[in-house]
Amino acid sequence: MPKRTELALHKQLQRELRHRAWLAQHLPNTKQQRQSQRRVLVVRSALALKLQRCVDH
């Protein structure tokens, strides 16, 4: 799998955060919302590793 760039990870994080907010409003307490929360964590962790620092978004 090719490595993702910092910009790609940042864009993906922003998309996931918007999607998480939408799910919280429209589909609260669903499996889809829990999966979205996990994706946010995974992408945020990948970005933090890429930057070698904490990511606060």
PDB file of N, CA and C in Angstrom:
ATOM      1  N   MET A   1       0.844  -1.169   0.000  1.00  0.00           N
ATOM      2  CA  MET A   1       0.000   0.000   0.000  1.00  0.00           C
ATOM      3  C   MET A   1       0.898   1.244   0.000  1.00  0.00           C
ATOM      4  N   PRO A   2       0.612   2.212  -0.870  1.00  0.00           N
ATOM      5  CA  PRO A   2       1.450   3.406  -0.903  1.00  0.00           C
ATOM      6  C   PRO A   2       1.265   4.242   0.365  1.00  0.00           C
ATOM      7  N   LYS A   3       2.312   4.934   0.716  1.00  0.00           N
ATOM      8  CA  LYS A   3       2.237   5.793   1.901  1.00  0.00           C
ATOM      9  C   LYS A   3       1.453   7.051   1.574  1.00  0.00           C
ATOM     10  N   ARG A   4       0.634   7.476   2.525  1.00  0.00           N
ATOM     11  CA  ARG A   4      -0.161   8.685   2.319  1.00  0.00           C
ATOM     12  C   ARG A   4       0.644   9.893   2.769  1.00  0.00           C
ATOM     13  N   THR A   5       0.471  10.996   2.056  1.00  0.00           N
ATOM     14  CA  THR A   5       1.189  12.214   2.386  1.00  0.00           C
ATOM     15  C   THR A   5       0.503  12.919   3.551  1.00  0.00           C
ATOM     16  N   GLU A   6       1.193  13.882   4.101  1.00  0.00           N
ATOM     17  CA  GLU A   6       0.655  14.665   5.204  1.00  0.00           C
ATOM     18  C   GLU A   6      -0.621  15.389   4.774  1.00  0.00           C
ATOM     19  N   LEU A   7      -0.603  15.959   3.575  1.00  0.00           N
ATOM     20  CA  LEU A   7      -1.777  16.682   3.081  1.00  0.00           C
ATOM     21  C   LEU A   7      -2.961  15.739   2.892  1.00  0.00           C
ATOM     22  N   ALA A   8      -2.734  14.558   2.349  1.00  0.00           N
ATOM     23  CA  ALA A   8      -3.812  13.586   2.149  1.00  0.00           C
ATOM     24  C   ALA A   8      -4.406  13.159   3.489  1.00  0.00           C
ATOM     25  N   LEU A   9      -3.557  12.934   4.475  1.00  0.00           N
ATOM     26  CA  LEU A   9      -4.044  12.553   5.806  1.00  0.00           C
ATOM     27  C   LEU A   9      -4.858  13.686   6.438  1.00  0.00           C
ATOM     28  N   HIS A  10      -4.390  14.907   6.265  1.00  0.00           N
ATOM     29  CA  HIS A  10      -5.093  16.058   6.829  1.00  0.00           C
ATOM     30  C   HIS A  10      -6.472  16.211   6.183  1.00  0.00           C
ATOM     31  N   LYS A  11      -6.550  16.072   4.860  1.00  0.00           N
ATOM     32  CA  LYS A  11      -7.835  16.168   4.172  1.00  0.00           C
ATOM     33  C   LYS A  11      -8.776  15.044   4.614  1.00  0.00           C
ATOM     34  N   GLN A  12      -8.233  13.841   4.734  1.00  0.00           N
ATOM     35  CA  GLN A  12      -9.043  12.706   5.167  1.00  0.00           C
ATOM     36  C   GLN A  12      -9.578  12.931   6.579  1.00  0.00           C
ATOM     37  N   LEU A  13      -8.743  13.480   7.455  1.00  0.00           N
ATOM     38  CA  LEU A  13      -9.171  13.765   8.825  1.00  0.00           C
ATOM     39  C   LEU A  13     -10.311  14.775   8.830  1.00  0.00           C
ATOM     40  N   GLN A  14     -10.190  15.817   8.027  1.00  0.00           N
ATOM     41  CA  GLN A  14     -11.248  16.827   7.973  1.00  0.00           C
ATOM     42  C   GLN A  14     -12.560  16.225   7.468  1.00  0.00           C
ATOM     43  N   ARG A  15     -12.497  15.364   6.455  1.00  0.00           N
ATOM     44  CA  ARG A  15     -13.697  14.699   5.941  1.00  0.00           C
ATOM     45  C   ARG A  15     -14.329  13.813   7.011  1.00  0.00           C
ATOM     46  N   GLU A  16     -13.493  13.054   7.701  1.00  0.00           N
ATOM     47  CA  GLU A  16     -14.003  12.153   8.739  1.00  0.00           C
ATOM     48  C   GLU A  16     -14.646  12.931   9.889  1.00  0.00           C
ATOM     49  N   LEU A  17     -14.062  14.060  10.260  1.00  0.00           N
ATOM     50  CA  LEU A  17     -14.628  14.866  11.338  1.00  0.00           C
ATOM     51  C   LEU A  17     -15.982  15.444  10.947  1.00  0.00           C
ATOM     52  N   ARG A  18     -16.100  15.914   9.703  1.00  0.00           N
ATOM     53  CA  ARG A  18     -17.403  16.419   9.234  1.00  0.00           C
ATOM     54  C   ARG A  18     -18.435  15.295   9.201  1.00  0.00           C
ATOM     55  N   HIS A  19     -18.017  14.129   8.747  1.00  0.00           N
ATOM     56  CA  HIS A  19     -18.925  12.992   8.670  1.00  0.00           C
ATOM     57  C   HIS A  19     -19.350  12.540  10.070  1.00  0.00           C
ATOM     58  N   ARG A  20     -18.413  12.551  10.997  1.00  0.00           N
ATOM     59  CA  ARG A  20     -18.732  12.169  12.378  1.00  0.00           C
ATOM     60  C   ARG A  20     -19.780  13.117  12.966  1.00  0.00           C
ATOM     61  N   ALA A  21     -19.626  14.417  12.690  1.00  0.00           N
ATOM     62  CA  ALA A  21     -20.591  15.395  13.196  1.00  0.00           C
ATOM     63  C   ALA A  21     -21.968  15.165  12.579  1.00  0.00           C
ATOM     64  N   TRP A  22     -21.999  14.862  11.285  1.00  0.00           N
ATOM     65  CA  TRP A  22     -23.269  14.596  10.618  1.00  0.00           C
ATOM     66  C   TRP A  22     -23.936  13.357  11.219  1.00  0.00           C
ATOM     67  N   LEU A  23     -23.157  12.309  11.434  1.00  0.00           N
ATOM     68  CA  LEU A  23     -23.703  11.084  12.007  1.00  0.00           C
ATOM     69  C   LEU A  23     -24.239  11.321  13.420  1.00  0.00           C
ATOM     70  N   ALA A  24     -23.544  12.124  14.196  1.00  0.00           N
ATOM     71  CA  ALA A  24     -23.998  12.399  15.560  1.00  0.00           C
ATOM     72  C   ALA A  24     -25.353  13.100  15.547  1.00  0.00           C
ATOM     73  N   GLN A  25     -25.581  13.917  14.543  1.00  0.00           N
ATOM     74  CA  GLN A  25     -26.844  14.640  14.457  1.00  0.00           C
ATOM     75  C   GLN A  25     -27.961  13.774  13.878  1.00  0.00           C
ATOM     76  N   HIS A  26     -27.638  12.972  12.859  1.00  0.00           N
ATOM     77  CA  HIS A  26     -28.674  12.251  12.144  1.00  0.00           C
ATOM     78  C   HIS A  26     -28.812  10.765  12.520  1.00  0.00           C
ATOM     79  N   LEU A  27     -27.733  10.119  12.893  1.00  0.00           N
ATOM     80  CA  LEU A  27     -27.770   8.694  13.224  1.00  0.00           C
ATOM     81  C   LEU A  27     -27.018   8.424  14.535  1.00  0.00           C
ATOM     82  N   PRO A  28     -27.490   8.981  15.632  1.00  0.00           N
ATOM     83  CA  PRO A  28     -26.772   8.792  16.898  1.00  0.00           C
ATOM     84  C   PRO A  28     -26.847   7.342  17.385  1.00  0.00           C
ATOM     85  N   ASN A  29     -25.808   6.935  18.071  1.00  0.00           N
ATOM     86  CA  ASN A  29     -25.741   5.617  18.712  1.00  0.00           C
ATOM     87  C   ASN A  29     -25.943   4.453  17.745  1.00  0.00           C
ATOM     88  N   THR A  30     -25.311   4.530  16.595  1.00  0.00           N
ATOM     89  CA  THR A  30     -25.399   3.449  15.620  1.00  0.00           C
ATOM     90  C   THR A  30     -24.018   2.860  15.384  1.00  0.00           C
ATOM     91  N   LYS A  31     -24.011   1.706  14.763  1.00  0.00           N
ATOM     92  CA  LYS A  31     -22.746   1.053  14.425  1.00  0.00           C
ATOM     93  C   LYS A  31     -21.929   1.929  13.473  1.00  0.00           C
ATOM     94  N   GLN A  32     -22.615   2.583  12.560  1.00  0.00           N
ATOM     95  CA  GLN A  32     -21.941   3.449  11.599  1.00  0.00           C
ATOM     96  C   GLN A  32     -21.223   4.598  12.313  1.00  0.00           C
ATOM     97  N   GLN A  33     -21.837   5.145  13.344  1.00  0.00           N
ATOM     98  CA  GLN A  33     -21.211   6.228  14.098  1.00  0.00           C
ATOM     99  C   GLN A  33     -19.968   5.721  14.841  1.00  0.00           C
ATOM    100  N   ARG A  34     -20.040   4.537  15.416  1.00  0.00           N
ATOM    101  CA  ARG A  34     -18.881   3.975  16.111  1.00  0.00           C
ATOM    102  C   ARG A  34     -17.738   3.699  15.137  1.00  0.00           C
ATOM    103  N   GLN A  35     -18.063   3.210  13.933  1.00  0.00           N
ATOM    104  CA  GLN A  35     -17.034   2.963  12.927  1.00  0.00           C
ATOM    105  C   GLN A  35     -16.385   4.265  12.474  1.00  0.00           C
ATOM    106  N   SER A  36     -17.185   5.302  12.361  1.00  0.00           N
ATOM    107  CA  SER A  36     -16.661   6.605  11.970  1.00  0.00           C
ATOM    108  C   SER A  36     -15.700   7.136  13.043  1.00  0.00           C
ATOM    109  N   GLN A  37     -16.077   6.977  14.304  1.00  0.00           N
ATOM    110  CA  GLN A  37     -15.216   7.418  15.398  1.00  0.00           C
ATOM    111  C   GLN A  37     -13.877   6.682  15.364  1.00  0.00           C
ATOM    112  N   ARG A  38     -13.925   5.404  15.042  1.00  0.00           N
ATOM    113  CA  ARG A  38     -12.687   4.618  14.946  1.00  0.00           C
ATOM    114  C   ARG A  38     -11.825   5.107  13.784  1.00  0.00           C
ATOM    115  N   ARG A  39     -12.445   5.411  12.639  1.00  0.00           N
ATOM    116  CA  ARG A  39     -11.694   5.923  11.493  1.00  0.00           C
ATOM    117  C   ARG A  39     -11.016   7.248  11.829  1.00  0.00           C
ATOM    118  N   VAL A  40     -11.706   8.107  12.586  1.00  0.00           N
ATOM    119  CA  VAL A  40     -11.111   9.376  13.010  1.00  0.00           C
ATOM    120  C   VAL A  40      -9.859   9.098  13.847  1.00  0.00           C
ATOM    121  N   LEU A  41      -9.967   8.170  14.762  1.00  0.00           N
ATOM    122  CA  LEU A  41      -8.831   7.825  15.613  1.00  0.00           C
ATOM    123  C   LEU A  41      -7.662   7.287  14.788  1.00  0.00           C
ATOM    124  N   VAL A  42      -7.950   6.414  13.834  1.00  0.00           N
ATOM    125  CA  VAL A  42      -6.903   5.820  13.013  1.00  0.00           C
ATOM    126  C   VAL A  42      -6.205   6.880  12.160  1.00  0.00           C
ATOM    127  N   VAL A  43      -6.990   7.736  11.519  1.00  0.00           N
ATOM    128  CA  VAL A  43      -6.403   8.771  10.655  1.00  0.00           C
ATOM    129  C   VAL A  43      -5.636   9.793  11.489  1.00  0.00           C
ATOM    130  N   ARG A  44      -6.200  10.181  12.638  1.00  0.00           N
ATOM    131  CA  ARG A  44      -5.519  11.144  13.509  1.00  0.00           C
ATOM    132  C   ARG A  44      -4.186  10.569  14.011  1.00  0.00           C
ATOM    133  N   SER A  45      -4.173   9.290  14.338  1.00  0.00           N
ATOM    134  CA  SER A  45      -2.941   8.640  14.793  1.00  0.00           C
ATOM    135  C   SER A  45      -1.911   8.567  13.676  1.00  0.00           C
ATOM    136  N   ALA A  46      -2.358   8.237  12.469  1.00  0.00           N
ATOM    137  CA  ALA A  46      -1.445   8.173  11.330  1.00  0.00           C
ATOM    138  C   ALA A  46      -0.836   9.547  11.050  1.00  0.00           C
ATOM    139  N   LEU A  47      -1.641  10.583  11.137  1.00  0.00           N
ATOM    140  CA  LEU A  47      -1.142  11.940  10.917  1.00  0.00           C
ATOM    141  C   LEU A  47      -0.159  12.335  12.014  1.00  0.00           C
ATOM    142  N   ALA A  48      -0.463  11.991  13.255  1.00  0.00           N
ATOM    143  CA  ALA A  48       0.436  12.305  14.363  1.00  0.00           C
ATOM    144  C   ALA A  48       1.777  11.594  14.188  1.00  0.00           C
ATOM    145  N   LEU A  49       1.750  10.346  13.742  1.00  0.00           N
ATOM    146  CA  LEU A  49       2.998   9.625  13.501  1.00  0.00           C
ATOM    147  C   LEU A  49       3.789  10.268  12.371  1.00  0.00           C
ATOM    148  N   LYS A  50       3.072  10.705  11.340  1.00  0.00           N
ATOM    149  CA  LYS A  50       3.731  11.349  10.200  1.00  0.00           C
ATOM    150  C   LYS A  50       4.392  12.653  10.647  1.00  0.00           C
ATOM    151  N   LEU A  51       3.712  13.400  11.491  1.00  0.00           N
ATOM    152  CA  LEU A  51       4.226  14.699  11.946  1.00  0.00           C
ATOM    153  C   LEU A  51       5.132  14.571  13.174  1.00  0.00           C
ATOM    154  N   GLN A  52       5.108  13.413  13.816  1.00  0.00           N
ATOM    155  CA  GLN A  52       5.873  13.173  15.038  1.00  0.00           C
ATOM    156  C   GLN A  52       5.473  14.122  16.169  1.00  0.00           C
ATOM    157  N   ARG A  53       4.170  14.431  16.208  1.00  0.00           N
ATOM    158  CA  ARG A  53       3.656  15.276  17.290  1.00  0.00           C
ATOM    159  C   ARG A  53       2.168  15.046  17.452  1.00  0.00           C
ATOM    160  N   CYS A  54       1.583  15.649  18.452  1.00  0.00           N
ATOM    161  CA  CYS A  54       0.159  15.525  18.727  1.00  0.00           C
ATOM    162  C   CYS A  54      -0.642  16.346  17.725  1.00  0.00           C
ATOM    163  N   VAL A  55      -1.797  15.831  17.319  1.00  0.00           N
ATOM    164  CA  VAL A  55      -2.661  16.525  16.376  1.00  0.00           C
ATOM    165  C   VAL A  55      -3.932  16.942  17.102  1.00  0.00           C
ATOM    166  N   ASP A  56      -4.218  18.244  17.134  1.00  0.00           N
ATOM    167  CA  ASP A  56      -5.404  18.760  17.828  1.00  0.00           C
ATOM    168  C   ASP A  56      -6.387  19.322  16.814  1.00  0.00           C
ATOM    169  N   HIS A  57      -7.250  18.476  16.293  1.00  0.00           N
ATOM    170  CA  HIS A  57      -8.272  18.961  15.348  1.00  0.00           C
ATOM    171  C   HIS A  57      -9.599  18.450  15.753  1.00  0.00           C
TER     172      HIS A  57
END
